[in-house]
Structures are given as structure tokens and as C-alpha cells.
Amino acid sequence: MPTPASLDIDYQSHERVKKLIDILKFCLEDISLAFESWDEPYVTGPGLYFAIVSGHTVRNHADPMGANRWPVSTSRDVLDDVDSFYEATTEVARERDGAVVISVDGIVQEQMVRFHDYSSDPNQSTESRIQYADWMGSRHMSAADTSARPDAVTTMTLSAETGRVTVFDDGEYSTTPRDELYQAWQ
């Protein structure tokens, strides 16, 4: 008889999910590179927070962010029309706040959310595997925390202060400052 773990899907290596992650990262990087005022004082750039989840709902560990909604009339499915998704992503990065929840099949949840703190959840293991850095603000710390949830495949952020793009997996992160994104695209 198979064990439950043998029936689990490894989303990190699933081709469709890898494509989804690549598209999201490309959008974040391109939005960062397109904004030209990162070094100006008192200017905040576009910021974004994506959460790819495998569960059917985040209701038990997230709250709605009021009127902050994803423009589903522009793009509902990331993998269906990347140009429309990029258009919607650019709008949301400039005008809204909260996490954009995307299921592993590429469908974007309309309501943007604020995730509850997972690291203080009494049902979580007492060993914290979440990494934080001094440069992280609330968006990044939430993404790091959320990425440790069992139903989170990955989370990603675009820093509104610096243009840095960060990918979080299982509480750990890899980050690319904006100036290194630029060098990679030359």
C-alpha cells in the first residue's frame, strides 16, 4: 500500500508549475527594470507579492485586503495569455497592496490577501526554518513566512523600495538586487 507521501505531487519539479514560476519571475524582473526612478528620494516604485499555492483555499490563513483585487477581466489565467497577465501585473504593482494568490494551475484568485503569521502558529513545528534578512520589510517577511506553509509552493516579491526580486521556498530565499537584474538582461 502506498504511503501518503508517495501520492504527493512535487510541484517544484512539475513542468507546468516551473513554467508558471518562470513567467511570474520574468514579470517581476521586467517591471523592476522598466521603472527608472528607483534612486530618486521620496519615490516608491512598483511592489508585488505573489503566492503560488496547491490548496483549494487560503481562507483559514489569510484575510481579504479590502478593495485590493486582481483585475480578472484583464487576466484570470497566467498561462493562458502572458501579455494580458503582464498588463494586469503592472497595474497591480503600481496601484494595489496585498498578496496575489495563484493556484498551481495558473488561476489567479481575485481577492488579494494578507496572510496570517505562520511562524507563530501553534500547529507548526517549533523549529523555525524561516530566513529573514535586515533589508526585508513586511512584504518580504510575510512572503518568507508564507513560503513555509505546506500548501505554499513558492512566494515571490518585488521590492517597492529597491526593485529587488526575491523568490522564497520553504522559508528560505534567493534574491537578486535590481542592478544585477539589469546586468543579466544586457
N, C-alpha and C. Protein backbone atom coordinates (compact mmCIF):
# COMPACT_ATOMS: atom_id res chain seq x y z
N MET A 1 0.84 -1.18 0.00
CA MET A 1 0.00 0.00 0.00
C MET A 1 0.89 1.25 0.00
N PRO A 2 0.63 2.20 -0.89
CA PRO A 2 1.49 3.39 -0.95
C PRO A 2 1.30 4.29 0.27
N THR A 3 2.37 4.94 0.63
CA THR A 3 2.30 5.90 1.74
C THR A 3 1.74 7.21 1.19
N PRO A 4 1.15 8.05 2.06
CA PRO A 4 0.62 9.33 1.59
C PRO A 4 1.66 10.18 0.86
N ALA A 5 2.91 10.16 1.32
CA ALA A 5 3.96 10.96 0.68
C ALA A 5 4.19 10.51 -0.76
N SER A 6 4.03 9.23 -1.03
CA SER A 6 4.26 8.75 -2.39
C SER A 6 3.18 9.23 -3.34
N LEU A 7 2.07 9.70 -2.83
CA LEU A 7 1.00 10.23 -3.66
C LEU A 7 1.07 11.74 -3.83
N ASP A 8 1.97 12.40 -3.09
CA ASP A 8 2.12 13.84 -3.18
C ASP A 8 2.74 14.23 -4.52
N ILE A 9 2.35 15.37 -5.02
CA ILE A 9 2.92 15.90 -6.25
C ILE A 9 4.05 16.85 -5.88
N ASP A 10 5.21 16.66 -6.50
CA ASP A 10 6.34 17.55 -6.29
C ASP A 10 6.18 18.74 -7.23
N TYR A 11 5.50 19.79 -6.75
CA TYR A 11 5.20 20.93 -7.60
C TYR A 11 6.45 21.67 -8.05
N GLN A 12 7.51 21.67 -7.26
CA GLN A 12 8.72 22.38 -7.64
C GLN A 12 9.33 21.82 -8.92
N SER A 13 9.13 20.55 -9.21
CA SER A 13 9.69 19.96 -10.43
C SER A 13 8.62 19.71 -11.50
N HIS A 14 7.40 20.06 -11.23
CA HIS A 14 6.31 19.87 -12.20
C HIS A 14 6.48 20.89 -13.33
N GLU A 15 6.49 20.43 -14.58
CA GLU A 15 6.78 21.30 -15.73
C GLU A 15 5.85 22.51 -15.82
N ARG A 16 4.58 22.32 -15.62
CA ARG A 16 3.63 23.42 -15.73
C ARG A 16 3.86 24.46 -14.62
N VAL A 17 4.16 23.99 -13.43
CA VAL A 17 4.40 24.90 -12.31
C VAL A 17 5.74 25.62 -12.51
N LYS A 18 6.74 24.93 -13.03
CA LYS A 18 8.02 25.59 -13.32
C LYS A 18 7.82 26.70 -14.35
N LYS A 19 6.99 26.46 -15.35
CA LYS A 19 6.69 27.49 -16.35
C LYS A 19 5.98 28.66 -15.69
N LEU A 20 5.04 28.37 -14.81
CA LEU A 20 4.31 29.40 -14.07
C LEU A 20 5.29 30.27 -13.26
N ILE A 21 6.19 29.64 -12.55
CA ILE A 21 7.18 30.35 -11.74
C ILE A 21 8.06 31.22 -12.64
N ASP A 22 8.48 30.68 -13.77
CA ASP A 22 9.32 31.46 -14.69
C ASP A 22 8.59 32.70 -15.21
N ILE A 23 7.33 32.57 -15.53
CA ILE A 23 6.55 33.72 -16.02
C ILE A 23 6.42 34.78 -14.93
N LEU A 24 6.11 34.36 -13.72
CA LEU A 24 5.97 35.31 -12.62
C LEU A 24 7.29 36.05 -12.37
N LYS A 25 8.38 35.30 -12.36
CA LYS A 25 9.68 35.92 -12.12
C LYS A 25 10.03 36.88 -13.25
N PHE A 26 9.77 36.49 -14.49
CA PHE A 26 10.02 37.37 -15.62
C PHE A 26 9.24 38.68 -15.47
N CYS A 27 7.97 38.58 -15.11
CA CYS A 27 7.15 39.79 -14.93
C CYS A 27 7.72 40.70 -13.86
N LEU A 28 8.09 40.14 -12.72
CA LEU A 28 8.66 40.95 -11.64
C LEU A 28 9.95 41.63 -12.09
N GLU A 29 10.82 40.87 -12.75
CA GLU A 29 12.08 41.43 -13.22
C GLU A 29 11.85 42.54 -14.24
N ASP A 30 10.95 42.32 -15.17
CA ASP A 30 10.70 43.31 -16.22
C ASP A 30 10.08 44.59 -15.65
N ILE A 31 9.18 44.44 -14.70
CA ILE A 31 8.58 45.63 -14.06
C ILE A 31 9.66 46.40 -13.31
N SER A 32 10.55 45.70 -12.62
CA SER A 32 11.63 46.36 -11.91
C SER A 32 12.52 47.13 -12.88
N LEU A 33 12.88 46.51 -13.99
CA LEU A 33 13.76 47.15 -14.96
C LEU A 33 13.09 48.31 -15.69
N ALA A 34 11.78 48.25 -15.86
CA ALA A 34 11.07 49.30 -16.58
C ALA A 34 10.91 50.58 -15.76
N PHE A 35 10.96 50.47 -14.45
CA PHE A 35 10.81 51.64 -13.58
C PHE A 35 12.17 52.32 -13.47
N GLU A 36 12.24 53.59 -13.78
CA GLU A 36 13.53 54.27 -13.86
C GLU A 36 13.82 55.23 -12.72
N SER A 37 12.98 55.28 -11.70
CA SER A 37 13.16 56.28 -10.63
C SER A 37 13.53 55.67 -9.29
N TRP A 38 14.16 54.49 -9.27
CA TRP A 38 14.48 53.82 -8.01
C TRP A 38 15.37 54.68 -7.12
N ASP A 39 16.27 55.48 -7.70
CA ASP A 39 17.23 56.23 -6.90
C ASP A 39 16.75 57.61 -6.48
N GLU A 40 15.55 58.00 -6.88
CA GLU A 40 15.04 59.31 -6.52
C GLU A 40 14.49 59.29 -5.09
N PRO A 41 14.80 60.34 -4.31
CA PRO A 41 14.29 60.39 -2.93
C PRO A 41 12.77 60.55 -2.92
N TYR A 42 12.14 59.95 -1.93
CA TYR A 42 10.70 60.06 -1.70
C TYR A 42 9.86 59.41 -2.81
N VAL A 43 10.48 58.57 -3.60
CA VAL A 43 9.75 57.89 -4.67
C VAL A 43 9.67 56.41 -4.32
N THR A 44 8.46 55.89 -4.39
CA THR A 44 8.25 54.45 -4.19
C THR A 44 7.91 53.84 -5.53
N GLY A 45 8.57 52.77 -5.84
CA GLY A 45 8.34 52.10 -7.12
C GLY A 45 7.24 51.07 -7.01
N PRO A 46 7.04 50.33 -8.07
CA PRO A 46 6.04 49.26 -8.05
C PRO A 46 6.48 48.14 -7.10
N GLY A 47 5.54 47.56 -6.40
CA GLY A 47 5.84 46.45 -5.50
C GLY A 47 4.81 45.35 -5.69
N LEU A 48 5.22 44.12 -5.46
CA LEU A 48 4.31 43.00 -5.69
C LEU A 48 4.68 41.81 -4.82
N TYR A 49 3.69 40.96 -4.58
CA TYR A 49 3.85 39.76 -3.75
C TYR A 49 2.96 38.69 -4.37
N PHE A 50 3.58 37.65 -4.91
CA PHE A 50 2.86 36.51 -5.46
C PHE A 50 3.00 35.32 -4.51
N ALA A 51 1.93 34.55 -4.37
CA ALA A 51 1.97 33.29 -3.62
C ALA A 51 1.34 32.20 -4.48
N ILE A 52 2.12 31.20 -4.85
CA ILE A 52 1.60 30.05 -5.59
C ILE A 52 1.25 28.99 -4.57
N VAL A 53 -0.01 28.55 -4.60
CA VAL A 53 -0.49 27.60 -3.59
C VAL A 53 -1.06 26.35 -4.25
N SER A 54 -0.98 25.25 -3.54
CA SER A 54 -1.51 23.99 -4.04
C SER A 54 -2.88 23.65 -3.46
N GLY A 55 -3.26 24.32 -2.40
CA GLY A 55 -4.55 24.04 -1.79
C GLY A 55 -5.69 24.71 -2.52
N HIS A 56 -6.90 24.36 -2.18
CA HIS A 56 -8.07 24.91 -2.86
C HIS A 56 -8.56 26.22 -2.25
N THR A 57 -8.04 26.59 -1.07
CA THR A 57 -8.42 27.86 -0.45
C THR A 57 -7.34 28.30 0.52
N VAL A 58 -7.25 29.62 0.72
CA VAL A 58 -6.36 30.18 1.74
C VAL A 58 -7.18 30.82 2.85
N ARG A 59 -8.48 30.57 2.84
CA ARG A 59 -9.42 31.19 3.77
C ARG A 59 -9.01 31.04 5.23
N ASN A 60 -8.46 29.89 5.61
CA ASN A 60 -8.13 29.64 7.01
C ASN A 60 -6.86 30.35 7.48
N HIS A 61 -6.05 30.86 6.55
CA HIS A 61 -4.82 31.52 6.97
C HIS A 61 -4.54 32.84 6.22
N ALA A 62 -5.61 33.48 5.78
CA ALA A 62 -5.45 34.78 5.12
C ALA A 62 -6.72 35.61 5.30
N ASP A 63 -6.53 36.92 5.27
CA ASP A 63 -7.65 37.86 5.34
C ASP A 63 -7.70 38.68 4.06
N PRO A 64 -8.90 39.03 3.61
CA PRO A 64 -9.01 39.87 2.42
C PRO A 64 -8.38 41.24 2.65
N MET A 65 -7.80 41.81 1.61
CA MET A 65 -7.20 43.14 1.67
C MET A 65 -8.18 44.17 1.11
N GLY A 66 -9.35 44.23 1.71
CA GLY A 66 -10.36 45.23 1.34
C GLY A 66 -10.68 45.24 -0.14
N ALA A 67 -10.54 46.40 -0.75
CA ALA A 67 -10.88 46.57 -2.17
C ALA A 67 -9.74 46.20 -3.10
N ASN A 68 -8.62 45.73 -2.55
CA ASN A 68 -7.49 45.33 -3.40
C ASN A 68 -7.82 44.01 -4.08
N ARG A 69 -8.05 44.10 -5.37
CA ARG A 69 -8.43 42.93 -6.16
C ARG A 69 -7.58 42.83 -7.40
N TRP A 70 -7.39 41.61 -7.83
CA TRP A 70 -6.71 41.34 -9.10
C TRP A 70 -7.71 41.61 -10.22
N PRO A 71 -7.29 42.28 -11.30
CA PRO A 71 -8.21 42.57 -12.40
C PRO A 71 -8.48 41.32 -13.27
N VAL A 72 -9.39 40.50 -12.80
CA VAL A 72 -9.68 39.23 -13.50
C VAL A 72 -10.23 39.46 -14.91
N SER A 73 -10.82 40.63 -15.16
CA SER A 73 -11.32 40.90 -16.51
C SER A 73 -10.16 41.08 -17.49
N THR A 74 -8.98 41.45 -16.99
CA THR A 74 -7.80 41.57 -17.84
C THR A 74 -7.08 40.24 -17.96
N SER A 75 -6.94 39.53 -16.85
CA SER A 75 -6.21 38.26 -16.85
C SER A 75 -6.64 37.41 -15.67
N ARG A 76 -7.14 36.24 -15.95
CA ARG A 76 -7.55 35.29 -14.91
C ARG A 76 -6.60 34.10 -14.83
N ASP A 77 -6.00 33.74 -15.98
CA ASP A 77 -5.15 32.56 -16.09
C ASP A 77 -3.76 33.00 -16.58
N VAL A 78 -2.76 32.84 -15.73
CA VAL A 78 -1.39 33.26 -16.04
C VAL A 78 -0.90 32.61 -17.32
N LEU A 79 -1.15 31.32 -17.47
CA LEU A 79 -0.59 30.56 -18.58
C LEU A 79 -1.38 30.70 -19.88
N ASP A 80 -2.57 31.27 -19.79
CA ASP A 80 -3.42 31.41 -20.98
C ASP A 80 -2.97 32.53 -21.90
N ASP A 81 -2.62 33.68 -21.32
CA ASP A 81 -2.24 34.86 -22.11
C ASP A 81 -1.23 35.66 -21.30
N VAL A 82 0.05 35.44 -21.56
CA VAL A 82 1.11 36.06 -20.76
C VAL A 82 1.10 37.58 -20.93
N ASP A 83 0.79 38.09 -22.11
CA ASP A 83 0.76 39.54 -22.32
C ASP A 83 -0.31 40.20 -21.46
N SER A 84 -1.49 39.61 -21.40
CA SER A 84 -2.56 40.15 -20.56
C SER A 84 -2.19 40.04 -19.09
N PHE A 85 -1.56 38.94 -18.72
CA PHE A 85 -1.12 38.78 -17.34
C PHE A 85 -0.09 39.86 -16.99
N TYR A 86 0.84 40.12 -17.87
CA TYR A 86 1.85 41.15 -17.63
C TYR A 86 1.18 42.53 -17.47
N GLU A 87 0.21 42.82 -18.31
CA GLU A 87 -0.52 44.09 -18.22
C GLU A 87 -1.20 44.22 -16.85
N ALA A 88 -1.86 43.16 -16.40
CA ALA A 88 -2.52 43.17 -15.09
C ALA A 88 -1.50 43.29 -13.97
N THR A 89 -0.38 42.58 -14.09
CA THR A 89 0.67 42.61 -13.07
C THR A 89 1.24 44.02 -12.92
N THR A 90 1.46 44.69 -14.03
CA THR A 90 1.98 46.06 -14.00
C THR A 90 1.01 46.99 -13.28
N GLU A 91 -0.26 46.87 -13.58
CA GLU A 91 -1.28 47.69 -12.92
C GLU A 91 -1.31 47.43 -11.41
N VAL A 92 -1.34 46.17 -11.02
CA VAL A 92 -1.42 45.81 -9.61
C VAL A 92 -0.17 46.26 -8.86
N ALA A 93 1.00 46.12 -9.47
CA ALA A 93 2.26 46.51 -8.82
C ALA A 93 2.30 47.99 -8.51
N ARG A 94 1.61 48.79 -9.29
CA ARG A 94 1.63 50.24 -9.10
C ARG A 94 0.50 50.74 -8.21
N GLU A 95 -0.61 50.01 -8.14
CA GLU A 95 -1.81 50.57 -7.54
C GLU A 95 -2.39 49.81 -6.35
N ARG A 96 -1.93 48.59 -6.08
CA ARG A 96 -2.60 47.79 -5.04
C ARG A 96 -1.60 47.19 -4.07
N ASP A 97 -2.15 46.66 -2.98
CA ASP A 97 -1.32 46.05 -1.95
C ASP A 97 -1.94 44.72 -1.56
N GLY A 98 -1.10 43.82 -1.07
CA GLY A 98 -1.55 42.51 -0.63
C GLY A 98 -0.95 41.43 -1.50
N ALA A 99 -1.11 40.20 -1.06
CA ALA A 99 -0.58 39.06 -1.81
C ALA A 99 -1.56 38.66 -2.91
N VAL A 100 -1.00 38.37 -4.07
CA VAL A 100 -1.76 37.84 -5.19
C VAL A 100 -1.64 36.32 -5.10
N VAL A 101 -2.77 35.65 -4.91
CA VAL A 101 -2.78 34.20 -4.74
C VAL A 101 -3.05 33.54 -6.08
N ILE A 102 -2.16 32.62 -6.46
CA ILE A 102 -2.26 31.91 -7.74
C ILE A 102 -2.19 30.42 -7.45
N SER A 103 -3.14 29.67 -7.99
CA SER A 103 -3.12 28.22 -7.79
C SER A 103 -2.11 27.59 -8.74
N VAL A 104 -1.74 26.36 -8.46
CA VAL A 104 -0.73 25.67 -9.27
C VAL A 104 -1.17 25.49 -10.72
N ASP A 105 -2.46 25.62 -11.00
CA ASP A 105 -2.92 25.51 -12.39
C ASP A 105 -2.87 26.85 -13.11
N GLY A 106 -2.41 27.92 -12.43
CA GLY A 106 -2.23 29.22 -13.05
C GLY A 106 -3.40 30.17 -12.89
N ILE A 107 -4.45 29.78 -12.19
CA ILE A 107 -5.61 30.63 -12.00
C ILE A 107 -5.35 31.61 -10.85
N VAL A 108 -5.61 32.91 -11.12
CA VAL A 108 -5.38 33.96 -10.14
C VAL A 108 -6.66 34.20 -9.35
N GLN A 109 -6.54 34.19 -8.02
CA GLN A 109 -7.67 34.49 -7.15
C GLN A 109 -7.93 35.99 -7.23
N GLU A 110 -9.17 36.39 -7.36
CA GLU A 110 -9.49 37.81 -7.49
C GLU A 110 -9.13 38.61 -6.25
N GLN A 111 -9.50 38.14 -5.07
CA GLN A 111 -9.25 38.89 -3.84
C GLN A 111 -7.78 38.80 -3.44
N MET A 112 -7.14 39.94 -3.25
CA MET A 112 -5.79 39.95 -2.72
C MET A 112 -5.88 39.82 -1.21
N VAL A 113 -4.83 39.26 -0.58
CA VAL A 113 -4.93 38.89 0.83
C VAL A 113 -3.73 39.34 1.65
N ARG A 114 -3.93 39.28 2.97
CA ARG A 114 -2.86 39.38 3.96
C ARG A 114 -2.79 38.04 4.65
N PHE A 115 -1.67 37.35 4.53
CA PHE A 115 -1.53 36.04 5.16
C PHE A 115 -1.28 36.21 6.66
N HIS A 116 -1.85 35.29 7.45
CA HIS A 116 -1.58 35.25 8.88
C HIS A 116 -0.14 34.79 9.10
N ASP A 117 0.41 35.15 10.21
CA ASP A 117 1.78 34.77 10.56
C ASP A 117 1.85 33.27 10.80
N TYR A 118 2.58 32.57 9.98
CA TYR A 118 2.69 31.12 10.10
C TYR A 118 3.70 30.73 11.18
N SER A 119 4.75 31.51 11.34
CA SER A 119 5.79 31.14 12.29
C SER A 119 5.31 31.16 13.74
N SER A 120 4.19 31.83 14.02
CA SER A 120 3.66 31.82 15.39
C SER A 120 2.47 30.87 15.53
N ASP A 121 2.18 30.10 14.49
CA ASP A 121 1.09 29.14 14.51
C ASP A 121 1.43 28.00 15.49
N PRO A 122 0.58 27.72 16.47
CA PRO A 122 0.88 26.68 17.45
C PRO A 122 0.95 25.27 16.83
N ASN A 123 0.38 25.09 15.65
CA ASN A 123 0.42 23.78 14.99
C ASN A 123 1.70 23.56 14.21
N GLN A 124 2.53 24.59 14.06
CA GLN A 124 3.77 24.47 13.32
C GLN A 124 4.85 23.89 14.22
N SER A 125 5.81 23.23 13.61
CA SER A 125 6.97 22.71 14.33
C SER A 125 7.67 23.85 15.06
N THR A 126 8.22 23.55 16.22
CA THR A 126 8.91 24.59 17.00
C THR A 126 10.23 25.00 16.35
N GLU A 127 10.77 24.20 15.46
CA GLU A 127 12.00 24.56 14.76
C GLU A 127 11.67 25.51 13.63
N SER A 128 12.09 26.75 13.76
CA SER A 128 11.84 27.73 12.72
C SER A 128 12.87 27.56 11.61
N ARG A 129 12.39 27.37 10.41
CA ARG A 129 13.29 27.25 9.27
C ARG A 129 13.21 28.48 8.37
N ILE A 130 12.59 29.52 8.87
CA ILE A 130 12.37 30.72 8.07
C ILE A 130 13.58 31.65 8.19
N GLN A 131 14.07 32.10 7.03
CA GLN A 131 15.21 33.02 6.99
C GLN A 131 14.72 34.44 6.74
N TYR A 132 15.20 35.36 7.55
CA TYR A 132 14.93 36.78 7.35
C TYR A 132 16.27 37.51 7.19
N ALA A 133 16.24 38.63 6.50
CA ALA A 133 17.43 39.46 6.35
C ALA A 133 17.09 40.88 6.81
N ASP A 134 18.12 41.66 7.13
CA ASP A 134 17.92 43.02 7.62
C ASP A 134 17.20 43.91 6.62
N TRP A 135 17.35 43.66 5.33
CA TRP A 135 16.73 44.51 4.31
C TRP A 135 15.24 44.22 4.12
N MET A 136 14.76 43.14 4.69
CA MET A 136 13.37 42.74 4.45
C MET A 136 12.38 43.64 5.19
N GLY A 137 11.36 44.06 4.44
CA GLY A 137 10.24 44.77 5.03
C GLY A 137 9.09 43.79 5.24
N SER A 138 7.92 44.31 5.54
CA SER A 138 6.79 43.45 5.88
C SER A 138 6.36 42.54 4.72
N ARG A 139 6.39 43.04 3.49
CA ARG A 139 6.01 42.21 2.33
C ARG A 139 6.91 40.99 2.21
N HIS A 140 8.22 41.22 2.36
CA HIS A 140 9.19 40.13 2.20
C HIS A 140 9.15 39.16 3.37
N MET A 141 8.98 39.69 4.57
CA MET A 141 8.90 38.81 5.74
C MET A 141 7.64 37.95 5.67
N SER A 142 6.55 38.52 5.21
CA SER A 142 5.32 37.75 5.04
C SER A 142 5.53 36.67 3.99
N ALA A 143 6.19 37.01 2.88
CA ALA A 143 6.43 36.02 1.82
C ALA A 143 7.33 34.89 2.32
N ALA A 144 8.35 35.23 3.11
CA ALA A 144 9.22 34.20 3.67
C ALA A 144 8.42 33.27 4.58
N ASP A 145 7.62 33.87 5.45
CA ASP A 145 6.79 33.13 6.39
C ASP A 145 5.78 32.25 5.65
N THR A 146 5.10 32.82 4.67
CA THR A 146 4.07 32.08 3.91
C THR A 146 4.68 30.93 3.13
N SER A 147 5.89 31.11 2.63
CA SER A 147 6.53 30.05 1.83
C SER A 147 6.79 28.78 2.64
N ALA A 148 6.79 28.88 3.96
CA ALA A 148 7.00 27.70 4.81
C ALA A 148 5.72 26.89 5.02
N ARG A 149 4.59 27.41 4.60
CA ARG A 149 3.32 26.69 4.74
C ARG A 149 3.32 25.45 3.84
N PRO A 150 2.74 24.36 4.30
CA PRO A 150 2.71 23.14 3.48
C PRO A 150 2.00 23.31 2.14
N ASP A 151 1.01 24.20 2.05
CA ASP A 151 0.28 24.36 0.79
C ASP A 151 0.85 25.47 -0.09
N ALA A 152 1.94 26.10 0.32
CA ALA A 152 2.60 27.12 -0.50
C ALA A 152 3.71 26.47 -1.31
N VAL A 153 3.64 26.62 -2.62
CA VAL A 153 4.69 26.07 -3.48
C VAL A 153 5.88 27.02 -3.49
N THR A 154 5.61 28.29 -3.68
CA THR A 154 6.65 29.32 -3.65
C THR A 154 5.98 30.68 -3.49
N THR A 155 6.73 31.65 -3.02
CA THR A 155 6.27 33.03 -2.99
C THR A 155 7.35 33.89 -3.63
N MET A 156 6.95 35.05 -4.13
CA MET A 156 7.89 35.96 -4.79
C MET A 156 7.52 37.39 -4.46
N THR A 157 8.54 38.25 -4.39
CA THR A 157 8.27 39.66 -4.14
C THR A 157 9.09 40.54 -5.07
N LEU A 158 8.54 41.72 -5.31
CA LEU A 158 9.24 42.83 -5.95
C LEU A 158 9.25 43.94 -4.92
N SER A 159 10.43 44.39 -4.52
CA SER A 159 10.54 45.44 -3.52
C SER A 159 10.18 46.79 -4.12
N ALA A 160 9.24 47.48 -3.48
CA ALA A 160 8.84 48.82 -3.92
C ALA A 160 9.90 49.86 -3.58
N GLU A 161 10.85 49.53 -2.72
CA GLU A 161 11.89 50.48 -2.34
C GLU A 161 13.13 50.37 -3.21
N THR A 162 13.47 49.15 -3.63
CA THR A 162 14.75 48.96 -4.33
C THR A 162 14.65 48.26 -5.68
N GLY A 163 13.53 47.66 -5.99
CA GLY A 163 13.41 46.91 -7.24
C GLY A 163 13.97 45.50 -7.17
N ARG A 164 14.37 45.08 -5.99
CA ARG A 164 14.91 43.73 -5.77
C ARG A 164 13.83 42.69 -6.00
N VAL A 165 14.18 41.57 -6.64
CA VAL A 165 13.26 40.46 -6.86
C VAL A 165 13.73 39.29 -6.01
N THR A 166 12.82 38.74 -5.20
CA THR A 166 13.17 37.66 -4.28
C THR A 166 12.20 36.51 -4.44
N VAL A 167 12.75 35.29 -4.45
CA VAL A 167 11.95 34.07 -4.52
C VAL A 167 12.14 33.33 -3.19
N PHE A 168 11.02 32.92 -2.60
CA PHE A 168 11.04 32.23 -1.30
C PHE A 168 10.51 30.81 -1.48
N ASP A 169 11.25 29.85 -0.96
CA ASP A 169 10.83 28.45 -0.99
C ASP A 169 11.08 27.83 0.37
N ASP A 170 10.02 27.34 0.98
CA ASP A 170 10.12 26.63 2.25
C ASP A 170 10.88 27.43 3.31
N GLY A 171 10.60 28.74 3.37
CA GLY A 171 11.19 29.59 4.39
C GLY A 171 12.57 30.14 4.05
N GLU A 172 13.16 29.68 2.96
CA GLU A 172 14.47 30.18 2.53
C GLU A 172 14.28 31.06 1.31
N TYR A 173 15.28 31.89 1.01
CA TYR A 173 15.11 32.81 -0.10
C TYR A 173 16.37 32.92 -0.96
N SER A 174 16.15 33.34 -2.19
CA SER A 174 17.23 33.77 -3.08
C SER A 174 16.78 35.11 -3.63
N THR A 175 17.68 36.08 -3.63
CA THR A 175 17.30 37.43 -4.02
C THR A 175 18.27 37.97 -5.06
N THR A 176 17.74 38.83 -5.92
CA THR A 176 18.54 39.47 -6.95
C THR A 176 18.28 40.97 -6.89
N PRO A 177 19.30 41.75 -6.49
CA PRO A 177 19.13 43.20 -6.50
C PRO A 177 18.89 43.70 -7.93
N ARG A 178 18.23 44.84 -8.05
CA ARG A 178 17.85 45.37 -9.35
C ARG A 178 19.06 45.55 -10.26
N ASP A 179 20.18 46.05 -9.75
CA ASP A 179 21.34 46.28 -10.62
C ASP A 179 21.89 44.98 -11.20
N GLU A 180 21.69 43.87 -10.52
CA GLU A 180 22.11 42.58 -11.07
C GLU A 180 21.10 42.06 -12.09
N LEU A 181 19.82 42.42 -11.94
CA LEU A 181 18.83 42.09 -12.96
C LEU A 181 19.21 42.78 -14.26
N TYR A 182 19.57 44.03 -14.15
CA TYR A 182 19.93 44.82 -15.33
C TYR A 182 21.10 44.20 -16.06
N GLN A 183 22.13 43.81 -15.30
CA GLN A 183 23.31 43.21 -15.92
C GLN A 183 22.95 41.91 -16.62
N ALA A 184 22.03 41.16 -16.04
CA ALA A 184 21.65 39.88 -16.66
C ALA A 184 20.92 40.09 -17.98
N TRP A 185 20.26 41.24 -18.14
CA TRP A 185 19.46 41.48 -19.35
C TRP A 185 20.23 42.20 -20.44
N GLN A 186 21.48 42.65 -20.17
CA GLN A 186 22.24 43.37 -21.19
C GLN A 186 22.68 42.46 -22.30
